[in-house]
Amino acid sequence: MPFVRSLFSLAFALAFFSQSSAVHADFPQADGAKAPAIAMEVDARDLPRKLIHTTLDIPCKSGPLRLWYPKWIQGAHGPLGRVEDIGGLRVEAADGAVISWKRDEVDMHCFVVEVPAGITSVRVKLDTICESAAQDGGGIYTTGNSSLGVINWNTCLVCPEGRAIEEQIAQVKLKLPQGWRYATALKSDSDKEGVIRFSPISMAHLVDNPLIAGRHLRTFKLDSGKNPQAYLHLTSESPEAIHLDPKTVELYSRLIREAGALFGCAHYPEYHFLVVCSDEIGSFGLEHLGCSINGVGERVMVDSHLRKGWYANLLPHEYAHSWCGKYRRPAAMITSDFHSPMKTKLLWVYEGLTEYLGEVLMVRSGLAQQDEYRATLTRQIRGLSQTTGRKWRTLEDTAVAGYLSRNPGNSWNQMRRAQDFYMEGMLLWYECDAIIREKTNGAKSLDDFCKRFFAPVNGAKTVAGYEFADLVKDLQATADYDWAAFLQRRVAAPQETLPLDVLGRLGYRLHYTDKPTAAGPDGSAAATANPAGDSLGLTVVRGKITGVVPGMPADQAGLSPGMSLIAVNGKKITTNRLRDAIADSVTRKKVDLLVEDGDEFRTITVPYAEGLRYLELSRIEGKSDLLAEILKPQTK
């Protein structure tokens, strides 16, 4: 069992909160500051009204100047920069004279300015509309309300073409609504008269360090042990929603210490969890090297009953990205600007391995218990196993075209495949861990691979690229196995069914039971479990059929997404009656469903005689519980 700090020690640790306006870290400042810096003033005082105003003074030469609104933001995995959110774009000379611009007719994120002779800089006035739902872009947008906000700098700038963003230096000033405090990993030089001045920083690192702000903001200094210092910053409309108890803070402190044990190194000077607790702003997350931006429900951080599943995994996942995705990154995803496309073929590593790492760290740190996690893992496997798209589309292809699956349609999504590089990628890395343990008789694990693969690379301070061959090399150095062939089979070839060899290697098997498995100690998930998912292959939400699994009885009977379910076996539909009807199928050999399909009503008979079925993960007798061994805490 992990060592639990005394209440006195915890109270001492909690006594630190930020009494100043911000906590900051020394992030790499671009030292090639030979070219004049871009002066950037961001006025966020209108953020509660969904507007933000930016003025940029950009050094230039006479002639054509191409200005790019950021399109590909690292971590979003697609061209998701919303140029359509520009509400005003004006280019001026130093004397205020207007300089006309034209949009590139092929790439709408590019604006072409013809700079008159004798002019050495232009002033760009940019108004951005901030109404986009944060979760739609995974945390790359600026958003806010009357009490709090998130500023992602990529929404507040245009970058001149021709010089790498690592070499473009920004001198940033920020104005916030009166009374708001802020948190960021950026270093500030001063905060006077309502203007915050940040130290000069490259555009690349500026965009990698977002900011949260609000009327209510609290900072907790985490007990990082031997690892670089880490902070947890919370803002919310409600001051009560950010008052964490000592036990919760200790869980996030343990997360830092467990990550230190797993990776054996860190690539940031300090780490900052930036968390917005708001039911209005929504749920989102995005990784950065020395911080993460996270959106959760208002009461999630103070209510352990709400901090389950995705919410429990959010901060560990984004934190693990500091190593996997931010420091070590597929070489084809490292670009020198914000408009060149990234090739995302290795997202099954970038996101799949991070999903594995985040879930392991979540359990090792105590943010989830092993029994809770096994129920979560079962649900993940259920969703993956009902996907038929893998018969025609490889896991690698879900990575290549990952952003196309971010917002799928409403029908037959099992046939399309989703962003399976997350969860199926996670299962792949569990199997890699199991193989390493088998081949080394338990002497090594995937932790050993991580210590090797994520170690500092000579000459790479903030990012180090890799290829598939580098991955295979470090796996081979950890355990002797034909890793290239194994990974190619799993990733680059279509599959008839979900590869489930991993479960046997972990000491588990799947089977069906007639009662749902509870997700937690209170058994809450059992009462709301879908009674038709594992039996008929049918999902019903408030009377509407939202999902039909290809090949299962509901599909074979002709049901389809979009139909409304009116009655079951002659009675008005309720979840309990649907459950009873499926149970009665053992004797009736069928389930009769009255559906509304457009302007027609008809009864569809589903031939079925197996009764209630719920997928369950259970132990294989006589085989060691390797999953429990993987999830065991590594620190005391």
Foldseek 3Di string as FASTA:
>chain_A
DFDDDDPVVLVVQQVDKDPDQEDAADDDFQPLQPDDAKEKEKECQCQQVQKIKMKIKFFDAAFKWKWFQFQAAFFLQGRPRPPVQWPDKWKAAPVRHTWDWDADPPDRRIIITRGDHPTGIIMIMIMGGQPDQCALRQRQGWHDHPFKIKDQCSRHGIDIPDAFLQRHKYWYKYAYHPQKGKYKHFAWPDQPPRITTTDIHGNSVSNLMMMMMGNAKIKGWAQLDPAATEIEMEDEPDNVLPDADSVLSQLVSLLNNLVCLLQVHAQGNYAYEAEYADPVSDFHWGAHQRYIYTYHHSNCSHDLVNCDDCNLLRVLLRNLLNQQRWAENAPQQDDRDSPDRGQFLPLLRSQQVSLLRSLLSSLLSPSDDPLLVQLVLQVLQLVQQLQQLLQPAFLSNCRRVVSVQSDDDQWDCSNVDHNCSRSLSNLVQLLLQLVLCVQVVNPDGVSQLSNVLRPDDPPRSTYDHDDPVSSVVSSCVSGPDPVVVVCCVRGVHRDRGRDDPSLVSQQKDKDKDQFADASDPVSVVRVVDQQCCVFQVWDADPQFTRTHRPPGQCVVQPDIGGKGWQDKPPHGDDRVVVLVQLQCCLPVQWIWTWICDPPDTDITIGRGRPHTIDMHMDGDPPDDNNVCVSSHHDHD
